[in-house]
Amino acid sequence: MKLLFILNDPPYGTERCYNALRLANALGKKDPTVGVSVFFMADAVACAKRGQKTPEGYYNLERMLKRFTIGVHEVLLCGTCMDARGLTEAELIGGARRGSMDELAAPTIGADTTLVFEPGLGRAAGRCAESDIGSHDERSTLRQSTGVKSIYLDYNASTPIDPAVAAAM
């Protein structure tokens, strides 16, 4: 089985990258034969920056990624996104490397499942994330022809709400 994670959020400020890497590490640990690729885009490229300093007791994405890269997993960063943020390949942790859209295309086509940790509001996030692919019919045809399952996860849809808040609403 091959899985592709596409991350867009900054390393800190939301927990999308943190949760995505927790899941990626858990999948790799559960079944080492599963091929897991992580592609960082936009502000997420900073997740692979070497030398992150976080407060004691706070999660550190650099450490999480180092554990992930020990396996046979692939960690790629959008080169254009790196350039836009002044991030060089020399600043990356070991096992992570500069990539391109062409290099994202291969794991996208080859993945059994693609997980996109997407910012947004509930179901609208999935619609926004899929809008780059084309119309609903085009997306359905693409999924049927490739057999790829897409799973869109956003913080708003997965965060439990306090029962007192729900009652007040």
Protein backbone atom coordinates (compact mmCIF):
# COMPACT_ATOMS: atom_id res chain seq x y z
CA MET A 1 0.00 0.00 0.00
CA LYS A 2 1.18 3.53 -0.79
CA LEU A 3 0.01 6.64 1.05
CA LEU A 4 0.61 10.29 0.21
CA PHE A 5 0.27 13.12 2.71
CA ILE A 6 0.07 16.68 1.37
CA LEU A 7 0.58 19.38 4.00
CA ASN A 8 0.10 23.12 3.55
CA ASP A 9 0.02 24.69 7.02
CA PRO A 10 2.89 26.29 8.93
CA PRO A 11 4.64 24.03 11.44
CA TYR A 12 3.23 25.84 14.46
CA GLY A 13 0.03 27.80 14.99
CA THR A 14 -2.31 25.03 13.88
CA GLU A 15 -1.89 21.35 14.65
CA ARG A 16 -2.52 20.01 11.15
CA CYS A 17 1.13 19.20 10.42
CA TYR A 18 1.61 17.80 13.91
CA ASN A 19 -1.39 15.49 13.55
CA ALA A 20 -0.44 14.48 10.01
CA LEU A 21 3.07 13.51 11.13
CA ARG A 22 1.70 11.65 14.13
CA LEU A 23 -0.44 9.59 11.78
CA ALA A 24 2.39 9.11 9.25
CA ASN A 25 4.71 7.87 12.01
CA ALA A 26 2.01 5.58 13.43
CA LEU A 27 1.33 4.08 9.99
CA GLY A 28 5.03 3.46 9.40
CA LYS A 29 5.38 1.83 12.80
CA LYS A 30 2.25 -0.31 12.40
CA ASP A 31 3.28 -1.68 9.02
CA PRO A 32 6.84 -0.95 7.80
CA THR A 33 5.94 -2.23 4.33
CA VAL A 34 3.52 0.66 3.78
CA GLY A 35 5.13 3.31 1.58
CA VAL A 36 4.43 6.75 3.00
CA SER A 37 5.34 9.95 1.16
CA VAL A 38 4.95 13.42 2.67
CA PHE A 39 4.96 16.48 0.43
CA PHE A 40 5.20 19.88 2.12
CA MET A 41 3.80 22.90 0.28
CA ALA A 42 3.29 26.58 1.11
CA ASP A 43 4.16 27.43 4.74
CA ALA A 44 4.50 23.72 5.59
CA VAL A 45 8.00 23.69 4.04
CA ALA A 46 9.24 25.18 7.33
CA CYS A 47 8.36 21.89 9.06
CA ALA A 48 11.58 20.38 7.68
CA LYS A 49 13.84 23.24 8.76
CA ARG A 50 16.79 22.15 10.86
CA GLY A 51 17.36 23.78 14.28
CA GLN A 52 13.77 24.26 15.50
CA LYS A 53 13.61 25.37 19.12
CA THR A 54 10.34 24.86 20.95
CA PRO A 55 9.47 25.30 24.63
CA GLU A 56 10.06 22.34 26.94
CA GLY A 57 7.15 19.90 26.75
CA TYR A 58 5.91 21.29 23.41
CA TYR A 59 5.93 19.13 20.29
CA ASN A 60 8.80 19.63 17.87
CA LEU A 61 8.19 18.83 14.21
CA GLU A 62 11.89 18.54 13.45
CA ARG A 63 12.21 15.65 15.93
CA MET A 64 9.03 14.03 14.58
CA LEU A 65 10.31 14.24 11.00
CA LYS A 66 13.70 12.83 11.96
CA ARG A 67 11.96 9.73 13.35
CA PHE A 68 9.90 9.48 10.17
CA THR A 69 12.89 9.74 7.81
CA ILE A 70 14.67 6.83 9.52
CA GLY A 71 12.41 4.46 7.57
CA VAL A 72 12.01 4.10 3.83
CA HIS A 73 9.65 7.04 3.67
CA GLU A 74 9.94 9.98 1.30
CA VAL A 75 9.90 13.62 2.44
CA LEU A 76 9.76 16.24 -0.31
CA LEU A 77 9.31 19.99 -0.18
CA CYS A 78 7.92 22.21 -2.91
CA GLY A 79 10.97 24.00 -4.35
CA THR A 80 9.00 27.07 -5.41
CA CYS A 81 7.52 27.33 -1.90
CA MET A 82 11.02 27.03 -0.40
CA ASP A 83 12.28 29.83 -2.64
CA ALA A 84 9.36 32.09 -1.74
CA ARG A 85 10.24 31.66 1.96
CA GLY A 86 14.01 31.95 1.59
CA LEU A 87 14.57 28.35 2.69
CA THR A 88 17.59 26.57 1.21
CA GLU A 89 18.26 22.85 0.91
CA ALA A 90 21.24 23.28 3.25
CA GLU A 91 18.80 24.27 6.04
CA LEU A 92 16.74 21.07 5.79
CA ILE A 93 16.89 18.12 8.16
CA GLY A 94 18.54 14.95 6.87
CA GLY A 95 16.22 12.82 4.78
CA ALA A 96 14.15 15.75 3.50
CA ARG A 97 14.83 17.24 0.11
CA ARG A 98 13.73 19.85 -2.36
CA GLY A 99 11.10 18.56 -4.78
CA SER A 100 8.95 19.77 -7.65
CA MET A 101 5.43 19.39 -8.99
CA ASP A 102 6.76 16.70 -11.33
CA GLU A 103 8.03 14.80 -8.29
CA LEU A 104 4.66 15.21 -6.58
CA ALA A 105 2.90 13.84 -9.66
CA ALA A 106 4.48 10.37 -9.37
CA PRO A 107 3.40 9.62 -5.77
CA THR A 108 0.01 11.19 -6.47
CA ILE A 109 -0.60 8.77 -9.35
CA GLY A 110 0.92 5.85 -7.45
CA ALA A 111 -0.82 6.41 -4.12
CA ASP A 112 -3.63 4.15 -2.97
CA THR A 113 -4.75 6.94 -0.64
CA THR A 114 -3.97 10.66 -0.58
CA LEU A 115 -4.48 12.56 2.67
CA VAL A 116 -4.66 16.35 2.44
CA PHE A 117 -4.63 18.18 5.74
CA GLU A 118 -6.46 21.24 4.53
CA PRO A 119 -7.43 24.48 6.27
CA GLY A 120 -11.06 25.44 5.91
CA LEU A 121 -14.49 25.16 7.36
CA GLY A 122 -15.97 21.69 7.38
CA ARG A 123 -17.18 20.37 4.03
CA ALA A 124 -16.18 23.58 2.26
CA ALA A 125 -12.53 22.64 2.80
CA GLY A 126 -12.89 19.48 0.74
CA ARG A 127 -14.63 21.37 -2.03
CA CYS A 128 -11.87 24.00 -2.09
CA ALA A 129 -9.10 21.42 -2.03
CA GLU A 130 -10.64 19.46 -4.87
CA SER A 131 -11.48 22.51 -7.00
CA ASP A 132 -8.01 22.51 -8.58
CA ILE A 133 -8.75 19.14 -10.18
CA GLY A 134 -11.79 20.37 -12.10
CA SER A 135 -15.52 19.83 -12.02
CA HIS A 136 -17.22 17.25 -9.81
CA ASP A 137 -17.62 14.92 -12.83
CA GLU A 138 -13.93 15.29 -13.75
CA ARG A 139 -12.90 14.47 -10.16
CA SER A 140 -15.15 11.40 -10.10
CA THR A 141 -13.72 10.22 -13.42
CA LEU A 142 -10.17 10.82 -12.17
CA ARG A 143 -10.82 8.81 -9.00
CA GLN A 144 -12.50 5.99 -10.92
CA SER A 145 -9.74 5.76 -13.52
CA THR A 146 -6.89 5.83 -10.99
CA GLY A 147 -8.63 4.07 -8.11
CA VAL A 148 -7.17 6.70 -5.76
CA LYS A 149 -9.04 7.50 -2.59
CA SER A 150 -8.77 11.08 -1.33
CA ILE A 151 -9.31 11.94 2.29
CA TYR A 152 -9.53 15.60 3.26
CA LEU A 153 -8.90 16.35 6.91
CA ASP A 154 -9.29 19.77 8.39
CA TYR A 155 -8.85 20.93 11.95
CA ASN A 156 -12.36 22.34 12.18
CA ALA A 157 -14.01 19.08 11.16
CA SER A 158 -11.97 16.92 13.52
CA THR A 159 -11.82 18.99 16.70
CA PRO A 160 -14.32 17.94 19.36
CA ILE A 161 -16.57 20.69 20.62
CA ASP A 162 -17.06 21.28 24.31
CA PRO A 163 -20.55 20.00 25.30
CA ALA A 164 -21.25 23.29 27.14
CA VAL A 165 -20.54 25.24 23.95
CA ALA A 166 -22.76 22.92 21.90
CA ALA A 167 -25.57 23.30 24.46
CA ALA A 168 -25.26 27.11 24.35
CA MET A 169 -25.53 27.07 20.57
